[in-house]
PDB file of N, CA and C in Angstrom:
ATOM      1  N   MET A   1       1.957 -11.022  -0.095  1.00  0.00           N
ATOM      2  CA  MET A   1       2.834 -11.004  -0.992  1.00  0.00           C
ATOM      3  C   MET A   1       1.730 -10.855  -2.009  1.00  0.00           C
ATOM      4  N   PRO A   2       2.320 -10.308  -3.380  1.00  0.00           N
ATOM      5  CA  PRO A   2       1.441  -9.970  -4.848  1.00  0.00           C
ATOM      6  C   PRO A   2       1.349 -11.109  -5.334  1.00  0.00           C
ATOM      7  N   TYR A   3       1.701 -12.153  -4.886  1.00  0.00           N
ATOM      8  CA  TYR A   3       1.379 -13.675  -5.715  1.00  0.00           C
ATOM      9  C   TYR A   3       0.256 -14.280  -5.807  1.00  0.00           C
ATOM     10  N   ILE A   4      -0.452 -13.521  -6.322  1.00  0.00           N
ATOM     11  CA  ILE A   4      -2.113 -14.069  -6.154  1.00  0.00           C
ATOM     12  C   ILE A   4      -2.419 -14.667  -8.008  1.00  0.00           C
ATOM     13  N   SER A   5      -3.383 -15.279  -7.800  1.00  0.00           N
ATOM     14  CA  SER A   5      -3.522 -16.048  -9.263  1.00  0.00           C
ATOM     15  C   SER A   5      -3.852 -14.972 -10.208  1.00  0.00           C
ATOM     16  N   GLN A   6      -3.531 -15.617 -11.506  1.00  0.00           N
ATOM     17  CA  GLN A   6      -3.863 -14.771 -12.813  1.00  0.00           C
ATOM     18  C   GLN A   6      -4.935 -14.634 -13.384  1.00  0.00           C
ATOM     19  N   GLU A   7      -6.300 -15.038 -12.523  1.00  0.00           N
ATOM     20  CA  GLU A   7      -7.247 -14.559 -12.479  1.00  0.00           C
ATOM     21  C   GLU A   7      -7.785 -13.237 -11.910  1.00  0.00           C
ATOM     22  N   GLU A   8      -7.228 -13.290 -10.427  1.00  0.00           N
ATOM     23  CA  GLU A   8      -7.157 -12.785  -9.647  1.00  0.00           C
ATOM     24  C   GLU A   8      -6.524 -10.996  -9.823  1.00  0.00           C
ATOM     25  N   ARG A   9      -5.340 -11.229 -10.653  1.00  0.00           N
ATOM     26  CA  ARG A   9      -4.730 -10.498 -11.552  1.00  0.00           C
ATOM     27  C   ARG A   9      -5.383  -9.670 -12.507  1.00  0.00           C
ATOM     28  N   ARG A  10      -6.254 -10.100 -13.282  1.00  0.00           N
ATOM     29  CA  ARG A  10      -6.807 -10.195 -14.689  1.00  0.00           C
ATOM     30  C   ARG A  10      -7.664  -9.018 -14.000  1.00  0.00           C
ATOM     31  N   LEU A  11      -8.553  -9.773 -13.041  1.00  0.00           N
ATOM     32  CA  LEU A  11      -9.579  -8.776 -12.581  1.00  0.00           C
ATOM     33  C   LEU A  11      -9.367  -7.321 -11.924  1.00  0.00           C
ATOM     34  N   LEU A  12      -8.373  -7.316 -11.487  1.00  0.00           N
ATOM     35  CA  LEU A  12      -7.730  -5.974 -11.012  1.00  0.00           C
ATOM     36  C   LEU A  12      -6.618  -4.912 -11.758  1.00  0.00           C
ATOM     37  N   ASP A  13      -6.747  -6.019 -12.778  1.00  0.00           N
ATOM     38  CA  ASP A  13      -5.674  -4.901 -14.058  1.00  0.00           C
ATOM     39  C   ASP A  13      -7.010  -4.268 -14.686  1.00  0.00           C
ATOM     40  N   TYR A  14      -8.222  -4.929 -14.693  1.00  0.00           N
ATOM     41  CA  TYR A  14      -8.970  -4.482 -15.155  1.00  0.00           C
ATOM     42  C   TYR A  14     -10.091  -3.632 -14.681  1.00  0.00           C
ATOM     43  N   GLY A  15      -9.365  -3.167 -13.385  1.00  0.00           N
ATOM     44  CA  GLY A  15     -10.697  -2.005 -12.824  1.00  0.00           C
ATOM     45  C   GLY A  15     -11.081  -2.814 -11.199  1.00  0.00           C
ATOM     46  N   ALA A  16     -10.869  -3.955 -11.465  1.00  0.00           N
ATOM     47  CA  ALA A  16     -11.332  -4.443 -10.147  1.00  0.00           C
ATOM     48  C   ALA A  16     -10.724  -3.891  -8.845  1.00  0.00           C
ATOM     49  N   LEU A  17     -11.879  -3.860  -7.390  1.00  0.00           N
ATOM     50  CA  LEU A  17     -10.930  -3.104  -6.203  1.00  0.00           C
ATOM     51  C   LEU A  17     -10.495  -4.138  -5.727  1.00  0.00           C
ATOM     52  N   PRO A  18      -9.483  -4.001  -5.331  1.00  0.00           N
ATOM     53  CA  PRO A  18      -8.891  -4.750  -4.035  1.00  0.00           C
ATOM     54  C   PRO A  18      -9.305  -5.591  -2.845  1.00  0.00           C
ATOM     55  N   ASN A  19      -9.820  -6.799  -2.605  1.00  0.00           N
ATOM     56  CA  ASN A  19     -10.520  -7.377  -1.271  1.00  0.00           C
ATOM     57  C   ASN A  19      -9.989  -8.319  -0.627  1.00  0.00           C
ATOM     58  N   SER A  20      -8.556  -8.426  -0.880  1.00  0.00           N
ATOM     59  CA  SER A  20      -8.075  -8.943   0.609  1.00  0.00           C
ATOM     60  C   SER A  20      -6.462  -8.369   0.548  1.00  0.00           C
ATOM     61  N   GLU A  21      -5.678  -8.628   1.381  1.00  0.00           N
ATOM     62  CA  GLU A  21      -3.998  -8.312   1.514  1.00  0.00           C
ATOM     63  C   GLU A  21      -3.745  -8.208   0.386  1.00  0.00           C
ATOM     64  N   GLY A  22      -3.360 -10.250   0.018  1.00  0.00           N
ATOM     65  CA  GLY A  22      -2.695  -9.881  -1.370  1.00  0.00           C
ATOM     66  C   GLY A  22      -3.024  -8.789  -2.650  1.00  0.00           C
ATOM     67  N   GLN A  23      -4.074  -9.069  -2.542  1.00  0.00           N
ATOM     68  CA  GLN A  23      -4.857  -8.099  -4.191  1.00  0.00           C
ATOM     69  C   GLN A  23      -4.357  -6.828  -3.618  1.00  0.00           C
ATOM     70  N   LEU A  24      -3.905  -6.274  -2.706  1.00  0.00           N
ATOM     71  CA  LEU A  24      -3.733  -4.417  -2.563  1.00  0.00           C
ATOM     72  C   LEU A  24      -2.421  -4.741  -2.426  1.00  0.00           C
ATOM     73  N   ASN A  25      -1.680  -5.822  -2.041  1.00  0.00           N
ATOM     74  CA  ASN A  25      -0.584  -5.604  -2.199  1.00  0.00           C
ATOM     75  C   ASN A  25       0.112  -5.726  -3.841  1.00  0.00           C
ATOM     76  N   TYR A  26      -0.478  -6.622  -4.630  1.00  0.00           N
ATOM     77  CA  TYR A  26      -0.498  -6.981  -6.075  1.00  0.00           C
ATOM     78  C   TYR A  26      -0.541  -5.126  -6.878  1.00  0.00           C
ATOM     79  N   SER A  27      -1.987  -4.729  -6.355  1.00  0.00           N
ATOM     80  CA  SER A  27      -2.080  -3.655  -7.214  1.00  0.00           C
ATOM     81  C   SER A  27      -1.413  -2.420  -6.647  1.00  0.00           C
ATOM     82  N   ILE A  28      -0.626  -2.315  -5.649  1.00  0.00           N
ATOM     83  CA  ILE A  28       0.383  -1.342  -5.079  1.00  0.00           C
ATOM     84  C   ILE A  28       1.644  -1.634  -6.237  1.00  0.00           C
ATOM     85  N   THR A  29       1.657  -2.950  -5.809  1.00  0.00           N
ATOM     86  CA  THR A  29       2.860  -3.224  -6.782  1.00  0.00           C
ATOM     87  C   THR A  29       2.871  -2.864  -8.358  1.00  0.00           C
ATOM     88  N   ILE A  30       2.024  -2.924  -8.560  1.00  0.00           N
ATOM     89  CA  ILE A  30       2.264  -2.591  -9.905  1.00  0.00           C
ATOM     90  C   ILE A  30       1.928  -1.167  -9.909  1.00  0.00           C
ATOM     91  N   LEU A  31       1.108  -0.468  -9.225  1.00  0.00           N
ATOM     92  CA  LEU A  31       1.333   0.758  -9.853  1.00  0.00           C
ATOM     93  C   LEU A  31       2.693   1.663  -9.238  1.00  0.00           C
ATOM     94  N   ILE A  32       3.595   0.961  -8.380  1.00  0.00           N
ATOM     95  CA  ILE A  32       4.733   1.038  -8.564  1.00  0.00           C
ATOM     96  C   ILE A  32       5.437   0.626  -9.641  1.00  0.00           C
ATOM     97  N   LYS A  33       5.750  -0.732 -10.121  1.00  0.00           N
ATOM     98  CA  LYS A  33       6.149  -1.039 -10.886  1.00  0.00           C
ATOM     99  C   LYS A  33       5.907  -0.008 -12.861  1.00  0.00           C
ATOM    100  N   ASN A  34       5.039   0.261 -12.773  1.00  0.00           N
ATOM    101  CA  ASN A  34       4.091   0.918 -14.049  1.00  0.00           C
ATOM    102  C   ASN A  34       4.817   2.808 -14.034  1.00  0.00           C
ATOM    103  N   TYR A  35       5.160   2.953 -12.298  1.00  0.00           N
ATOM    104  CA  TYR A  35       5.686   4.482 -12.042  1.00  0.00           C
ATOM    105  C   TYR A  35       6.926   4.203 -12.710  1.00  0.00           C
ATOM    106  N   LEU A  36       7.240   2.900 -11.793  1.00  0.00           N
ATOM    107  CA  LEU A  36       9.192   3.337 -12.525  1.00  0.00           C
ATOM    108  C   LEU A  36       9.477   2.677 -13.532  1.00  0.00           C
ATOM    109  N   ALA A  37       8.641   2.437 -14.341  1.00  0.00           N
ATOM    110  CA  ALA A  37       8.893   2.479 -15.841  1.00  0.00           C
ATOM    111  C   ALA A  37       8.518   3.208 -16.721  1.00  0.00           C
ATOM    112  N   ARG A  38       8.339   4.266 -16.286  1.00  0.00           N
ATOM    113  CA  ARG A  38       7.808   5.798 -16.776  1.00  0.00           C
ATOM    114  C   ARG A  38       9.306   6.077 -17.634  1.00  0.00           C
ATOM    115  N   ASN A  39      10.717   6.221 -17.268  1.00  0.00           N
ATOM    116  CA  ASN A  39      11.692   6.098 -17.668  1.00  0.00           C
ATOM    117  C   ASN A  39      12.089   5.172 -18.459  1.00  0.00           C
ATOM    118  N   LYS A  40      11.226   4.228 -19.190  1.00  0.00           N
ATOM    119  CA  LYS A  40      11.617   3.358 -20.193  1.00  0.00           C
ATOM    120  C   LYS A  40      12.780   1.912 -19.791  1.00  0.00           C
ATOM    121  N   GLY A  41      12.560   2.053 -18.470  1.00  0.00           N
ATOM    122  CA  GLY A  41      13.208   0.895 -17.723  1.00  0.00           C
ATOM    123  C   GLY A  41      14.783   1.612 -17.048  1.00  0.00           C
ATOM    124  N   ARG A  42      14.807   3.150 -17.369  1.00  0.00           N
ATOM    125  CA  ARG A  42      16.192   3.459 -16.717  1.00  0.00           C
ATOM    126  C   ARG A  42      15.895   4.012 -15.389  1.00  0.00           C
ATOM    127  N   VAL A  43      16.190   3.117 -14.664  1.00  0.00           N
ATOM    128  CA  VAL A  43      15.644   3.220 -12.567  1.00  0.00           C
ATOM    129  C   VAL A  43      16.822   3.562 -12.097  1.00  0.00           C
ATOM    130  N   SER A  44      17.159   4.215 -11.029  1.00  0.00           N
ATOM    131  CA  SER A  44      18.002   4.810 -10.139  1.00  0.00           C
ATOM    132  C   SER A  44      18.076   4.485  -9.157  1.00  0.00           C
ATOM    133  N   TYR A  45      18.966   4.811  -8.006  1.00  0.00           N
ATOM    134  CA  TYR A  45      18.745   4.627  -6.481  1.00  0.00           C
ATOM    135  C   TYR A  45      17.932   5.898  -6.415  1.00  0.00           C
ATOM    136  N   ALA A  46      17.778   7.067  -6.906  1.00  0.00           N
ATOM    137  CA  ALA A  46      16.936   8.083  -6.385  1.00  0.00           C
ATOM    138  C   ALA A  46      15.615   7.680  -7.243  1.00  0.00           C
ATOM    139  N   ASP A  47      15.554   6.972  -8.043  1.00  0.00           N
ATOM    140  CA  ASP A  47      13.713   7.160  -7.911  1.00  0.00           C
ATOM    141  C   ASP A  47      13.457   5.996  -7.218  1.00  0.00           C
ATOM    142  N   TYR A  48      13.853   4.325  -6.700  1.00  0.00           N
ATOM    143  CA  TYR A  48      13.712   3.841  -5.823  1.00  0.00           C
ATOM    144  C   TYR A  48      13.946   4.381  -4.146  1.00  0.00           C
ATOM    145  N   ASN A  49      14.480   5.396  -4.191  1.00  0.00           N
ATOM    146  CA  ASN A  49      14.814   6.170  -3.225  1.00  0.00           C
ATOM    147  C   ASN A  49      13.010   7.010  -2.623  1.00  0.00           C
ATOM    148  N   GLU A  50      12.818   7.497  -4.003  1.00  0.00           N
ATOM    149  CA  GLU A  50      11.462   8.156  -4.094  1.00  0.00           C
ATOM    150  C   GLU A  50      10.305   7.274  -3.440  1.00  0.00           C
ATOM    151  N   VAL A  51      10.664   5.957  -4.355  1.00  0.00           N
ATOM    152  CA  VAL A  51       9.113   5.374  -4.024  1.00  0.00           C
ATOM    153  C   VAL A  51       9.085   4.828  -2.479  1.00  0.00           C
ATOM    154  N   LEU A  52       9.927   4.720  -2.181  1.00  0.00           N
ATOM    155  CA  LEU A  52      10.238   4.121  -0.581  1.00  0.00           C
ATOM    156  C   LEU A  52       9.694   5.308   0.310  1.00  0.00           C
ATOM    157  N   GLY A  53       9.633   6.462  -0.410  1.00  0.00           N
ATOM    158  CA  GLY A  53       9.699   7.750   0.853  1.00  0.00           C
ATOM    159  C   GLY A  53       7.767   8.273   0.739  1.00  0.00           C
ATOM    160  N   VAL A  54       7.325   7.806  -1.094  1.00  0.00           N
ATOM    161  CA  VAL A  54       6.074   8.041  -0.911  1.00  0.00           C
ATOM    162  C   VAL A  54       5.328   6.852   0.280  1.00  0.00           C
ATOM    163  N   LEU A  55       5.944   5.685  -0.015  1.00  0.00           N
ATOM    164  CA  LEU A  55       5.158   4.694   0.587  1.00  0.00           C
ATOM    165  C   LEU A  55       5.364   4.662   2.306  1.00  0.00           C
ATOM    166  N   GLU A  56       6.750   5.607   2.743  1.00  0.00           N
ATOM    167  CA  GLU A  56       6.642   5.549   4.080  1.00  0.00           C
ATOM    168  C   GLU A  56       5.602   6.980   4.454  1.00  0.00           C
ATOM    169  N   GLY A  57       5.456   7.978   3.338  1.00  0.00           N
ATOM    170  CA  GLY A  57       4.558   9.189   3.960  1.00  0.00           C
ATOM    171  C   GLY A  57       3.385   8.375   4.266  1.00  0.00           C
ATOM    172  N   VAL A  58       2.784   7.286   2.946  1.00  0.00           N
ATOM    173  CA  VAL A  58       1.249   6.845   3.036  1.00  0.00           C
ATOM    174  C   VAL A  58       1.187   6.604   4.324  1.00  0.00           C
ATOM    175  N   LYS A  59       2.072   5.326   4.862  1.00  0.00           N
ATOM    176  CA  LYS A  59       1.941   4.472   6.138  1.00  0.00           C
ATOM    177  C   LYS A  59       1.620   5.412   7.042  1.00  0.00           C
ATOM    178  N   LEU A  60       2.690   6.403   7.245  1.00  0.00           N
ATOM    179  CA  LEU A  60       2.978   7.972   8.439  1.00  0.00           C
ATOM    180  C   LEU A  60       1.048   8.400   8.256  1.00  0.00           C
ATOM    181  N   GLU A  61       0.776   8.969   6.992  1.00  0.00           N
ATOM    182  CA  GLU A  61      -0.896   9.206   7.359  1.00  0.00           C
ATOM    183  C   GLU A  61      -1.941   8.642   7.724  1.00  0.00           C
ATOM    184  N   ILE A  62      -1.823   7.074   7.265  1.00  0.00           N
ATOM    185  CA  ILE A  62      -2.812   6.085   7.420  1.00  0.00           C
ATOM    186  C   ILE A  62      -3.235   6.316   8.996  1.00  0.00           C
ATOM    187  N   TYR A  63      -1.548   6.030   9.527  1.00  0.00           N
ATOM    188  CA  TYR A  63      -1.550   6.041  10.922  1.00  0.00           C
ATOM    189  C   TYR A  63      -1.970   6.971  11.333  1.00  0.00           C
ATOM    190  N   ARG A  64      -1.633   8.348  11.242  1.00  0.00           N
ATOM    191  CA  ARG A  64      -2.146   9.383  11.954  1.00  0.00           C
ATOM    192  C   ARG A  64      -3.470   9.637  11.953  1.00  0.00           C
ATOM    193  N   ARG A  65      -4.024   9.579  10.632  1.00  0.00           N
ATOM    194  CA  ARG A  65      -5.381  10.248  10.315  1.00  0.00           C
ATOM    195  C   ARG A  65      -6.577   8.676  10.285  1.00  0.00           C
ATOM    196  N   VAL A  66      -6.001   7.344  10.680  1.00  0.00           N
ATOM    197  CA  VAL A  66      -7.110   6.549  10.977  1.00  0.00           C
ATOM    198  C   VAL A  66      -6.656   5.684  11.796  1.00  0.00           C
ATOM    199  N   ILE A  67      -5.803   5.164  11.737  1.00  0.00           N
ATOM    200  CA  ILE A  67      -5.364   3.664  13.255  1.00  0.00           C
ATOM    201  C   ILE A  67      -5.241   4.758  14.542  1.00  0.00           C
ATOM    202  N   ALA A  68      -4.265   6.019  14.688  1.00  0.00           N
ATOM    203  CA  ALA A  68      -4.414   6.494  16.399  1.00  0.00           C
ATOM    204  C   ALA A  68      -5.711   6.589  16.298  1.00  0.00           C
ATOM    205  N   LYS A  69      -6.495   7.229  16.021  1.00  0.00           N
ATOM    206  CA  LYS A  69      -7.871   7.284  16.313  1.00  0.00           C
ATOM    207  C   LYS A  69      -8.740   6.357  16.434  1.00  0.00           C
ATOM    208  N   TYR A  70      -8.680   5.042  15.616  1.00  0.00           N
ATOM    209  CA  TYR A  70      -9.186   3.768  16.231  1.00  0.00           C
ATOM    210  C   TYR A  70      -8.782   3.314  17.501  1.00  0.00           C
ATOM    211  N   GLU A  71      -7.142   3.555  17.924  1.00  0.00           N
ATOM    212  CA  GLU A  71      -6.885   3.006  18.676  1.00  0.00           C
ATOM    213  C   GLU A  71      -6.876   3.848  19.939  1.00  0.00           C
ATOM    214  N   ASP A  72      -7.192   4.957  20.302  1.00  0.00           N
ATOM    215  CA  ASP A  72      -8.110   5.429  20.737  1.00  0.00           C
ATOM    216  C   ASP A  72      -9.047   5.613  21.224  1.00  0.00           C
ATOM    217  N   LYS A  73     -10.219   5.099  20.560  1.00  0.00           N
ATOM    218  CA  LYS A  73     -11.445   4.584  21.177  1.00  0.00           C
ATOM    219  C   LYS A  73     -11.311   3.700  21.650  1.00  0.00           C
ATOM    220  N   LYS A  74     -10.734   2.797  21.486  1.00  0.00           N
ATOM    221  CA  LYS A  74     -10.479   1.537  21.868  1.00  0.00           C
ATOM    222  C   LYS A  74      -9.772   1.757  23.124  1.00  0.00           C
ATOM    223  N   ARG A  75      -8.518   2.458  23.551  1.00  0.00           N
ATOM    224  CA  ARG A  75      -8.701   2.471  25.070  1.00  0.00           C
ATOM    225  C   ARG A  75      -9.688   3.058  25.768  1.00  0.00           C
ATOM    226  N   GLU A  76      -9.934   3.982  25.097  1.00  0.00           N
ATOM    227  CA  GLU A  76     -11.301   4.403  25.892  1.00  0.00           C
ATOM    228  C   GLU A  76     -12.779   3.775  26.508  1.00  0.00           C
ATOM    229  N   SER A  77     -12.369   2.924  25.357  1.00  0.00           N
ATOM    230  CA  SER A  77     -13.971   1.300  25.860  1.00  0.00           C
ATOM    231  C   SER A  77     -13.252   0.517  26.710  1.00  0.00           C
ATOM    232  N   ASN A  78     -12.400  -0.223  26.235  1.00  0.00           N
ATOM    233  CA  ASN A  78     -10.944  -1.229  27.249  1.00  0.00           C
ATOM    234  C   ASN A  78     -10.557  -0.645  28.121  1.00  0.00           C
ATOM    235  N   GLY A  79     -10.174   0.682  28.400  1.00  0.00           N
ATOM    236  CA  GLY A  79      -9.034   0.475  29.119  1.00  0.00           C
ATOM    237  C   GLY A  79      -7.769   0.709  29.261  1.00  0.00           C
ATOM    238  N   ASP A  80      -6.645   1.693  29.173  1.00  0.00           N
ATOM    239  CA  ASP A  80      -5.766   1.956  28.867  1.00  0.00           C
ATOM    240  C   ASP A  80      -4.413   0.687  29.613  1.00  0.00           C
ATOM    241  N   VAL A  81      -3.220   0.553  28.849  1.00  0.00           N
ATOM    242  CA  VAL A  81      -2.746   0.051  29.771  1.00  0.00           C
ATOM    243  C   VAL A  81      -1.335   0.310  30.374  1.00  0.00           C
ATOM    244  N   TYR A  82      -1.526   1.953  29.836  1.00  0.00           N
ATOM    245  CA  TYR A  82      -0.043   2.078  31.141  1.00  0.00           C
ATOM    246  C   TYR A  82      -0.423   3.301  32.025  1.00  0.00           C
TER     247      TYR A  82
END
């Protein structure tokens, strides 16, 4: 959840890199919140759908490019279960 301390928020808001899942969640949440605010608060379903599509694309790309390779290496070193 993005509910981190005010001190952590301030550090992230001024450019610190996230170093926990909560901080990463907060940073992504603020980025999306600011992106959606670009139309002065007039947000439509299409805007929300657009954000969800981008998040899904990012998720799939991380899996395809990073996690799948990691899993392949672990399968080779520890043996397949299928």
